[in-house]
Amino acid sequence: MAKTATPWGSAEVVEELTVPQRSGEKRFASKVQLLETKAGERLVRFAYSTNGTNRRGPVTLRVKDLETLHKRLEEHPALAKVLGL
């Protein structure tokens, strides 16, 4: 599994869901990641990516993007469970 840094230390990416988005000519994606720390604590990270690089900051989803997120959660049961869906 891939590792990533968090404010709580290093964590492994357990699952990652990507929602491709577009605004005019701009292409980017929102990501939802299920992470797990060395101590077994689970974290959920919302991020966005541009040109394949994850970015921090606000993540904005349109209603139709949320519909896509809900559909894709069917393929990511661990994420769906921690999100209460």
PDB file of N, CA and C in Angstrom:
ATOM      1  N   MET A   1       0.839  -1.190   0.000  1.00  0.00           N
ATOM      2  CA  MET A   1       0.000   0.000   0.000  1.00  0.00           C
ATOM      3  C   MET A   1       0.880   1.248   0.000  1.00  0.00           C
ATOM      4  N   ALA A   2       0.367   2.303  -0.597  1.00  0.00           N
ATOM      5  CA  ALA A   2       1.077   3.577  -0.623  1.00  0.00           C
ATOM      6  C   ALA A   2       1.030   4.221   0.755  1.00  0.00           C
ATOM      7  N   LYS A   3       2.090   4.936   1.085  1.00  0.00           N
ATOM      8  CA  LYS A   3       2.154   5.656   2.361  1.00  0.00           C
ATOM      9  C   LYS A   3       1.995   7.148   2.080  1.00  0.00           C
ATOM     10  N   THR A   4       1.477   7.848   3.081  1.00  0.00           N
ATOM     11  CA  THR A   4       1.296   9.284   2.960  1.00  0.00           C
ATOM     12  C   THR A   4       1.491   9.925   4.336  1.00  0.00           C
ATOM     13  N   ALA A   5       1.827  11.193   4.331  1.00  0.00           N
ATOM     14  CA  ALA A   5       2.018  11.929   5.582  1.00  0.00           C
ATOM     15  C   ALA A   5       0.698  12.574   6.012  1.00  0.00           C
ATOM     16  N   THR A   6       0.452  12.564   7.317  1.00  0.00           N
ATOM     17  CA  THR A   6      -0.716  13.230   7.893  1.00  0.00           C
ATOM     18  C   THR A   6      -0.259  13.978   9.142  1.00  0.00           C
ATOM     19  N   PRO A   7      -1.090  14.852   9.694  1.00  0.00           N
ATOM     20  CA  PRO A   7      -0.725  15.505  10.949  1.00  0.00           C
ATOM     21  C   PRO A   7      -0.540  14.511  12.102  1.00  0.00           C
ATOM     22  N   TRP A   8      -1.069  13.292  11.960  1.00  0.00           N
ATOM     23  CA  TRP A   8      -0.955  12.259  12.994  1.00  0.00           C
ATOM     24  C   TRP A   8       0.169  11.281  12.691  1.00  0.00           C
ATOM     25  N   GLY A   9       1.009  11.605  11.735  1.00  0.00           N
ATOM     26  CA  GLY A   9       2.122  10.740  11.356  1.00  0.00           C
ATOM     27  C   GLY A   9       1.842  10.015  10.050  1.00  0.00           C
ATOM     28  N   SER A  10       2.717   9.110   9.719  1.00  0.00           N
ATOM     29  CA  SER A  10       2.620   8.349   8.481  1.00  0.00           C
ATOM     30  C   SER A  10       1.386   7.445   8.504  1.00  0.00           C
ATOM     31  N   ALA A  11       0.774   7.270   7.339  1.00  0.00           N
ATOM     32  CA  ALA A  11      -0.388   6.394   7.217  1.00  0.00           C
ATOM     33  C   ALA A  11      -0.347   5.704   5.857  1.00  0.00           C
ATOM     34  N   GLU A  12      -0.999   4.555   5.795  1.00  0.00           N
ATOM     35  CA  GLU A  12      -1.121   3.831   4.534  1.00  0.00           C
ATOM     36  C   GLU A  12      -2.457   4.166   3.894  1.00  0.00           C
ATOM     37  N   VAL A  13      -2.461   4.253   2.568  1.00  0.00           N
ATOM     38  CA  VAL A  13      -3.702   4.468   1.825  1.00  0.00           C
ATOM     39  C   VAL A  13      -4.370   3.107   1.669  1.00  0.00           C
ATOM     40  N   VAL A  14      -5.521   2.929   2.328  1.00  0.00           N
ATOM     41  CA  VAL A  14      -6.257   1.669   2.279  1.00  0.00           C
ATOM     42  C   VAL A  14      -7.125   1.629   1.028  1.00  0.00           C
ATOM     43  N   GLU A  15      -7.850   2.702   0.775  1.00  0.00           N
ATOM     44  CA  GLU A  15      -8.689   2.839  -0.423  1.00  0.00           C
ATOM     45  C   GLU A  15      -8.622   4.279  -0.889  1.00  0.00           C
ATOM     46  N   GLU A  16      -8.797   4.455  -2.204  1.00  0.00           N
ATOM     47  CA  GLU A  16      -8.829   5.803  -2.773  1.00  0.00           C
ATOM     48  C   GLU A  16      -9.857   5.839  -3.892  1.00  0.00           C
ATOM     49  N   LEU A  17     -10.732   6.819  -3.825  1.00  0.00           N
ATOM     50  CA  LEU A  17     -11.770   7.011  -4.818  1.00  0.00           C
ATOM     51  C   LEU A  17     -11.509   8.347  -5.497  1.00  0.00           C
ATOM     52  N   THR A  18     -11.543   8.371  -6.827  1.00  0.00           N
ATOM     53  CA  THR A  18     -11.283   9.595  -7.583  1.00  0.00           C
ATOM     54  C   THR A  18     -12.518   9.977  -8.383  1.00  0.00           C
ATOM     55  N   VAL A  19     -12.892  11.255  -8.315  1.00  0.00           N
ATOM     56  CA  VAL A  19     -14.005  11.796  -9.100  1.00  0.00           C
ATOM     57  C   VAL A  19     -13.430  12.824 -10.074  1.00  0.00           C
ATOM     58  N   PRO A  20     -13.297  12.463 -11.366  1.00  0.00           N
ATOM     59  CA  PRO A  20     -12.787  13.422 -12.345  1.00  0.00           C
ATOM     60  C   PRO A  20     -13.754  14.599 -12.487  1.00  0.00           C
ATOM     61  N   GLN A  21     -13.208  15.810 -12.654  1.00  0.00           N
ATOM     62  CA  GLN A  21     -14.039  17.014 -12.788  1.00  0.00           C
ATOM     63  C   GLN A  21     -13.470  17.906 -13.878  1.00  0.00           C
ATOM     64  N   ARG A  22     -14.310  18.825 -14.339  1.00  0.00           N
ATOM     65  CA  ARG A  22     -13.901  19.780 -15.360  1.00  0.00           C
ATOM     66  C   ARG A  22     -14.660  21.083 -15.158  1.00  0.00           C
ATOM     67  N   SER A  23     -13.949  22.181 -15.357  1.00  0.00           N
ATOM     68  CA  SER A  23     -14.559  23.508 -15.361  1.00  0.00           C
ATOM     69  C   SER A  23     -14.000  24.222 -16.583  1.00  0.00           C
ATOM     70  N   GLY A  24     -14.807  24.328 -17.626  1.00  0.00           N
ATOM     71  CA  GLY A  24     -14.309  24.888 -18.876  1.00  0.00           C
ATOM     72  C   GLY A  24     -13.201  23.993 -19.411  1.00  0.00           C
ATOM     73  N   GLU A  25     -12.041  24.547 -19.628  1.00  0.00           N
ATOM     74  CA  GLU A  25     -10.891  23.780 -20.128  1.00  0.00           C
ATOM     75  C   GLU A  25     -10.066  23.154 -19.002  1.00  0.00           C
ATOM     76  N   LYS A  26     -10.336  23.546 -17.762  1.00  0.00           N
ATOM     77  CA  LYS A  26      -9.572  23.025 -16.624  1.00  0.00           C
ATOM     78  C   LYS A  26     -10.033  21.616 -16.283  1.00  0.00           C
ATOM     79  N   ARG A  27      -9.072  20.732 -16.114  1.00  0.00           N
ATOM     80  CA  ARG A  27      -9.356  19.359 -15.692  1.00  0.00           C
ATOM     81  C   ARG A  27      -8.651  19.105 -14.368  1.00  0.00           C
ATOM     82  N   PHE A  28      -9.370  18.496 -13.441  1.00  0.00           N
ATOM     83  CA  PHE A  28      -8.832  18.191 -12.131  1.00  0.00           C
ATOM     84  C   PHE A  28      -9.655  17.040 -11.573  1.00  0.00           C
ATOM     85  N   ALA A  29      -9.370  16.597 -10.387  1.00  0.00           N
ATOM     86  CA  ALA A  29     -10.127  15.508  -9.777  1.00  0.00           C
ATOM     87  C   ALA A  29     -10.196  15.715  -8.276  1.00  0.00           C
ATOM     88  N   SER A  30     -11.311  15.308  -7.692  1.00  0.00           N
ATOM     89  CA  SER A  30     -11.434  15.269  -6.240  1.00  0.00           C
ATOM     90  C   SER A  30     -11.177  13.837  -5.812  1.00  0.00           C
ATOM     91  N   LYS A  31     -10.536  13.685  -4.650  1.00  0.00           N
ATOM     92  CA  LYS A  31     -10.190  12.358  -4.156  1.00  0.00           C
ATOM     93  C   LYS A  31     -10.676  12.192  -2.725  1.00  0.00           C
ATOM     94  N   VAL A  32     -11.115  10.989  -2.415  1.00  0.00           N
ATOM     95  CA  VAL A  32     -11.458  10.617  -1.046  1.00  0.00           C
ATOM     96  C   VAL A  32     -10.592   9.410  -0.729  1.00  0.00           C
ATOM     97  N   GLN A  33      -9.811   9.527   0.341  1.00  0.00           N
ATOM     98  CA  GLN A  33      -8.890   8.455   0.713  1.00  0.00           C
ATOM     99  C   GLN A  33      -9.211   7.940   2.110  1.00  0.00           C
ATOM    100  N   LEU A  34      -9.192   6.625   2.242  1.00  0.00           N
ATOM    101  CA  LEU A  34      -9.260   5.995   3.550  1.00  0.00           C
ATOM    102  C   LEU A  34      -7.827   5.658   3.922  1.00  0.00           C
ATOM    103  N   LEU A  35      -7.364   6.219   5.041  1.00  0.00           N
ATOM    104  CA  LEU A  35      -5.994   6.038   5.508  1.00  0.00           C
ATOM    105  C   LEU A  35      -6.000   5.275   6.819  1.00  0.00           C
ATOM    106  N   GLU A  36      -4.890   4.604   7.104  1.00  0.00           N
ATOM    107  CA  GLU A  36      -4.753   3.918   8.387  1.00  0.00           C
ATOM    108  C   GLU A  36      -3.365   4.167   8.946  1.00  0.00           C
ATOM    109  N   THR A  37      -3.320   4.641  10.198  1.00  0.00           N
ATOM    110  CA  THR A  37      -2.043   4.927  10.857  1.00  0.00           C
ATOM    111  C   THR A  37      -1.410   3.621  11.348  1.00  0.00           C
ATOM    112  N   LYS A  38      -0.167   3.720  11.779  1.00  0.00           N
ATOM    113  CA  LYS A  38       0.534   2.543  12.328  1.00  0.00           C
ATOM    114  C   LYS A  38      -0.208   1.969  13.529  1.00  0.00           C
ATOM    115  N   ALA A  39      -0.887   2.840  14.286  1.00  0.00           N
ATOM    116  CA  ALA A  39      -1.628   2.408  15.474  1.00  0.00           C
ATOM    117  C   ALA A  39      -2.996   1.817  15.123  1.00  0.00           C
ATOM    118  N   GLY A  40      -3.349   1.819  13.823  1.00  0.00           N
ATOM    119  CA  GLY A  40      -4.625   1.250  13.397  1.00  0.00           C
ATOM    120  C   GLY A  40      -5.771   2.237  13.342  1.00  0.00           C
ATOM    121  N   GLU A  41      -5.501   3.521  13.631  1.00  0.00           N
ATOM    122  CA  GLU A  41      -6.563   4.524  13.551  1.00  0.00           C
ATOM    123  C   GLU A  41      -6.860   4.816  12.091  1.00  0.00           C
ATOM    124  N   ARG A  42      -8.138   4.897  11.761  1.00  0.00           N
ATOM    125  CA  ARG A  42      -8.542   5.187  10.387  1.00  0.00           C
ATOM    126  C   ARG A  42      -8.863   6.666  10.236  1.00  0.00           C
ATOM    127  N   LEU A  43      -8.426   7.224   9.131  1.00  0.00           N
ATOM    128  CA  LEU A  43      -8.628   8.633   8.803  1.00  0.00           C
ATOM    129  C   LEU A  43      -9.240   8.718   7.415  1.00  0.00           C
ATOM    130  N   VAL A  44     -10.030   9.753   7.161  1.00  0.00           N
ATOM    131  CA  VAL A  44     -10.577  10.009   5.826  1.00  0.00           C
ATOM    132  C   VAL A  44     -10.054  11.363   5.378  1.00  0.00           C
ATOM    133  N   ARG A  45      -9.441  11.374   4.189  1.00  0.00           N
ATOM    134  CA  ARG A  45      -8.899  12.620   3.641  1.00  0.00           C
ATOM    135  C   ARG A  45      -9.641  12.968   2.352  1.00  0.00           C
ATOM    136  N   PHE A  46     -10.058  14.227   2.265  1.00  0.00           N
ATOM    137  CA  PHE A  46     -10.624  14.774   1.030  1.00  0.00           C
ATOM    138  C   PHE A  46      -9.555  15.685   0.436  1.00  0.00           C
ATOM    139  N   ALA A  47      -9.260  15.512  -0.835  1.00  0.00           N
ATOM    140  CA  ALA A  47      -8.234  16.312  -1.500  1.00  0.00           C
ATOM    141  C   ALA A  47      -8.643  16.520  -2.951  1.00  0.00           C
ATOM    142  N   TYR A  48      -7.875  17.313  -3.652  1.00  0.00           N
ATOM    143  CA  TYR A  48      -8.073  17.424  -5.091  1.00  0.00           C
ATOM    144  C   TYR A  48      -6.720  17.295  -5.755  1.00  0.00           C
ATOM    145  N   SER A  49      -6.734  16.939  -7.030  1.00  0.00           N
ATOM    146  CA  SER A  49      -5.473  16.786  -7.741  1.00  0.00           C
ATOM    147  C   SER A  49      -5.522  17.549  -9.063  1.00  0.00           C
ATOM    148  N   THR A  50      -4.370  18.074  -9.429  1.00  0.00           N
ATOM    149  CA  THR A  50      -4.194  18.702 -10.733  1.00  0.00           C
ATOM    150  C   THR A  50      -2.926  18.113 -11.329  1.00  0.00           C
ATOM    151  N   ASN A  51      -3.004  17.748 -12.591  1.00  0.00           N
ATOM    152  CA  ASN A  51      -1.851  17.155 -13.283  1.00  0.00           C
ATOM    153  C   ASN A  51      -1.264  15.978 -12.514  1.00  0.00           C
ATOM    154  N   GLY A  52      -2.124  15.188 -11.850  1.00  0.00           N
ATOM    155  CA  GLY A  52      -1.677  14.004 -11.138  1.00  0.00           C
ATOM    156  C   GLY A  52      -1.059  14.248  -9.774  1.00  0.00           C
ATOM    157  N   THR A  53      -1.020  15.497  -9.330  1.00  0.00           N
ATOM    158  CA  THR A  53      -0.432  15.829  -8.033  1.00  0.00           C
ATOM    159  C   THR A  53      -1.537  16.177  -7.045  1.00  0.00           C
ATOM    160  N   ASN A  54      -1.553  15.503  -5.880  1.00  0.00           N
ATOM    161  CA  ASN A  54      -2.543  15.812  -4.846  1.00  0.00           C
ATOM    162  C   ASN A  54      -2.265  17.180  -4.248  1.00  0.00           C
ATOM    163  N   ARG A  55      -3.325  17.914  -4.012  1.00  0.00           N
ATOM    164  CA  ARG A  55      -3.242  19.261  -3.438  1.00  0.00           C
ATOM    165  C   ARG A  55      -4.056  19.313  -2.156  1.00  0.00           C
ATOM    166  N   ARG A  56      -3.660  20.183  -1.275  1.00  0.00           N
ATOM    167  CA  ARG A  56      -4.448  20.422  -0.070  1.00  0.00           C
ATOM    168  C   ARG A  56      -5.254  21.673  -0.285  1.00  0.00           C
ATOM    169  N   GLY A  57      -6.269  21.822   0.476  1.00  0.00           N
ATOM    170  CA  GLY A  57      -7.101  23.013   0.363  1.00  0.00           C
ATOM    171  C   GLY A  57      -8.551  22.625   0.242  1.00  0.00           C
ATOM    172  N   PRO A  58      -9.386  23.579   0.009  1.00  0.00           N
ATOM    173  CA  PRO A  58     -10.810  23.256  -0.074  1.00  0.00           C
ATOM    174  C   PRO A  58     -11.116  22.382  -1.283  1.00  0.00           C
ATOM    175  N   VAL A  59     -12.024  21.452  -1.076  1.00  0.00           N
ATOM    176  CA  VAL A  59     -12.506  20.585  -2.143  1.00  0.00           C
ATOM    177  C   VAL A  59     -13.943  20.976  -2.411  1.00  0.00           C
ATOM    178  N   THR A  60     -14.257  21.288  -3.647  1.00  0.00           N
ATOM    179  CA  THR A  60     -15.605  21.696  -4.020  1.00  0.00           C
ATOM    180  C   THR A  60     -16.181  20.671  -4.982  1.00  0.00           C
ATOM    181  N   LEU A  61     -17.352  20.155  -4.634  1.00  0.00           N
ATOM    182  CA  LEU A  61     -18.042  19.187  -5.478  1.00  0.00           C
ATOM    183  C   LEU A  61     -19.394  19.749  -5.887  1.00  0.00           C
ATOM    184  N   ARG A  62     -19.706  19.630  -7.171  1.00  0.00           N
ATOM    185  CA  ARG A  62     -21.047  19.983  -7.635  1.00  0.00           C
ATOM    186  C   ARG A  62     -21.988  18.854  -7.235  1.00  0.00           C
ATOM    187  N   VAL A  63     -23.287  19.112  -7.245  1.00  0.00           N
ATOM    188  CA  VAL A  63     -24.254  18.081  -6.878  1.00  0.00           C
ATOM    189  C   VAL A  63     -24.072  16.858  -7.770  1.00  0.00           C
ATOM    190  N   LYS A  64     -23.862  17.062  -9.070  1.00  0.00           N
ATOM    191  CA  LYS A  64     -23.688  15.899  -9.955  1.00  0.00           C
ATOM    192  C   LYS A  64     -22.394  15.144  -9.635  1.00  0.00           C
ATOM    193  N   ASP A  65     -21.370  15.843  -9.115  1.00  0.00           N
ATOM    194  CA  ASP A  65     -20.148  15.163  -8.693  1.00  0.00           C
ATOM    195  C   ASP A  65     -20.416  14.311  -7.451  1.00  0.00           C
ATOM    196  N   LEU A  66     -21.268  14.808  -6.555  1.00  0.00           N
ATOM    197  CA  LEU A  66     -21.639  14.018  -5.374  1.00  0.00           C
ATOM    198  C   LEU A  66     -22.388  12.752  -5.787  1.00  0.00           C
ATOM    199  N   GLU A  67     -23.226  12.848  -6.826  1.00  0.00           N
ATOM    200  CA  GLU A  67     -23.921  11.669  -7.328  1.00  0.00           C
ATOM    201  C   GLU A  67     -22.905  10.645  -7.842  1.00  0.00           C
ATOM    202  N   THR A  68     -21.872  11.122  -8.542  1.00  0.00           N
ATOM    203  CA  THR A  68     -20.811  10.230  -9.015  1.00  0.00           C
ATOM    204  C   THR A  68     -20.073   9.614  -7.832  1.00  0.00           C
ATOM    205  N   LEU A  69     -19.794  10.418  -6.819  1.00  0.00           N
ATOM    206  CA  LEU A  69     -19.132   9.924  -5.614  1.00  0.00           C
ATOM    207  C   LEU A  69     -19.938   8.796  -4.987  1.00  0.00           C
ATOM    208  N   HIS A  70     -21.241   8.991  -4.834  1.00  0.00           N
ATOM    209  CA  HIS A  70     -22.087   7.960  -4.243  1.00  0.00           C
ATOM    210  C   HIS A  70     -22.054   6.670  -5.064  1.00  0.00           C
ATOM    211  N   LYS A  71     -22.098   6.790  -6.379  1.00  0.00           N
ATOM    212  CA  LYS A  71     -22.056   5.600  -7.242  1.00  0.00           C
ATOM    213  C   LYS A  71     -20.724   4.873  -7.100  1.00  0.00           C
ATOM    214  N   ARG A  72     -19.635   5.619  -7.067  1.00  0.00           N
ATOM    215  CA  ARG A  72     -18.311   4.999  -6.979  1.00  0.00           C
ATOM    216  C   ARG A  72     -18.036   4.400  -5.612  1.00  0.00           C
ATOM    217  N   LEU A  73     -18.736   4.868  -4.603  1.00  0.00           N
ATOM    218  CA  LEU A  73     -18.560   4.275  -3.271  1.00  0.00           C
ATOM    219  C   LEU A  73     -18.999   2.817  -3.242  1.00  0.00           C
ATOM    220  N   GLU A  74     -19.842   2.404  -4.191  1.00  0.00           N
ATOM    221  CA  GLU A  74     -20.244   1.000  -4.273  1.00  0.00           C
ATOM    222  C   GLU A  74     -19.021   0.110  -4.511  1.00  0.00           C
ATOM    223  N   GLU A  75     -17.986   0.664  -5.141  1.00  0.00           N
ATOM    224  CA  GLU A  75     -16.765  -0.076  -5.436  1.00  0.00           C
ATOM    225  C   GLU A  75     -15.723   0.059  -4.318  1.00  0.00           C
ATOM    226  N   HIS A  76     -16.046   0.837  -3.296  1.00  0.00           N
ATOM    227  CA  HIS A  76     -15.121   1.097  -2.193  1.00  0.00           C
ATOM    228  C   HIS A  76     -15.866   0.920  -0.869  1.00  0.00           C
ATOM    229  N   PRO A  77     -16.150  -0.335  -0.494  1.00  0.00           N
ATOM    230  CA  PRO A  77     -16.987  -0.578   0.691  1.00  0.00           C
ATOM    231  C   PRO A  77     -16.402  -0.068   1.997  1.00  0.00           C
ATOM    232  N   ALA A  78     -15.095  -0.074   2.149  1.00  0.00           N
ATOM    233  CA  ALA A  78     -14.512   0.402   3.412  1.00  0.00           C
ATOM    234  C   ALA A  78     -14.737   1.909   3.560  1.00  0.00           C
ATOM    235  N   LEU A  79     -14.553   2.654   2.474  1.00  0.00           N
ATOM    236  CA  LEU A  79     -14.816   4.094   2.507  1.00  0.00           C
ATOM    237  C   LEU A  79     -16.291   4.365   2.760  1.00  0.00           C
ATOM    238  N   ALA A  80     -17.156   3.644   2.075  1.00  0.00           N
ATOM    239  CA  ALA A  80     -18.602   3.824   2.259  1.00  0.00           C
ATOM    240  C   ALA A  80     -18.984   3.586   3.716  1.00  0.00           C
ATOM    241  N   LYS A  81     -18.386   2.577   4.324  1.00  0.00           N
ATOM    242  CA  LYS A  81     -18.723   2.254   5.710  1.00  0.00           C
ATOM    243  C   LYS A  81     -18.315   3.370   6.659  1.00  0.00           C
ATOM    244  N   VAL A  82     -17.083   3.881   6.541  1.00  0.00           N
ATOM    245  CA  VAL A  82     -16.655   4.926   7.474  1.00  0.00           C
ATOM    246  C   VAL A  82     -17.383   6.243   7.235  1.00  0.00           C
ATOM    247  N   LEU A  83     -17.904   6.437   6.010  1.00  0.00           N
ATOM    248  CA  LEU A  83     -18.681   7.638   5.721  1.00  0.00           C
ATOM    249  C   LEU A  83     -20.162   7.460   6.096  1.00  0.00           C
ATOM    250  N   GLY A  84     -20.511   6.264   6.582  1.00  0.00           N
ATOM    251  CA  GLY A  84     -21.882   6.011   7.033  1.00  0.00           C
ATOM    252  C   GLY A  84     -22.864   5.825   5.900  1.00  0.00           C
ATOM    253  N   LEU A  85     -22.375   5.369   4.745  1.00  0.00           N
ATOM    254  CA  LEU A  85     -23.261   5.187   3.589  1.00  0.00           C
ATOM    255  C   LEU A  85     -23.422   3.723   3.234  1.00  0.00           C
TER     256      LEU A  85
END
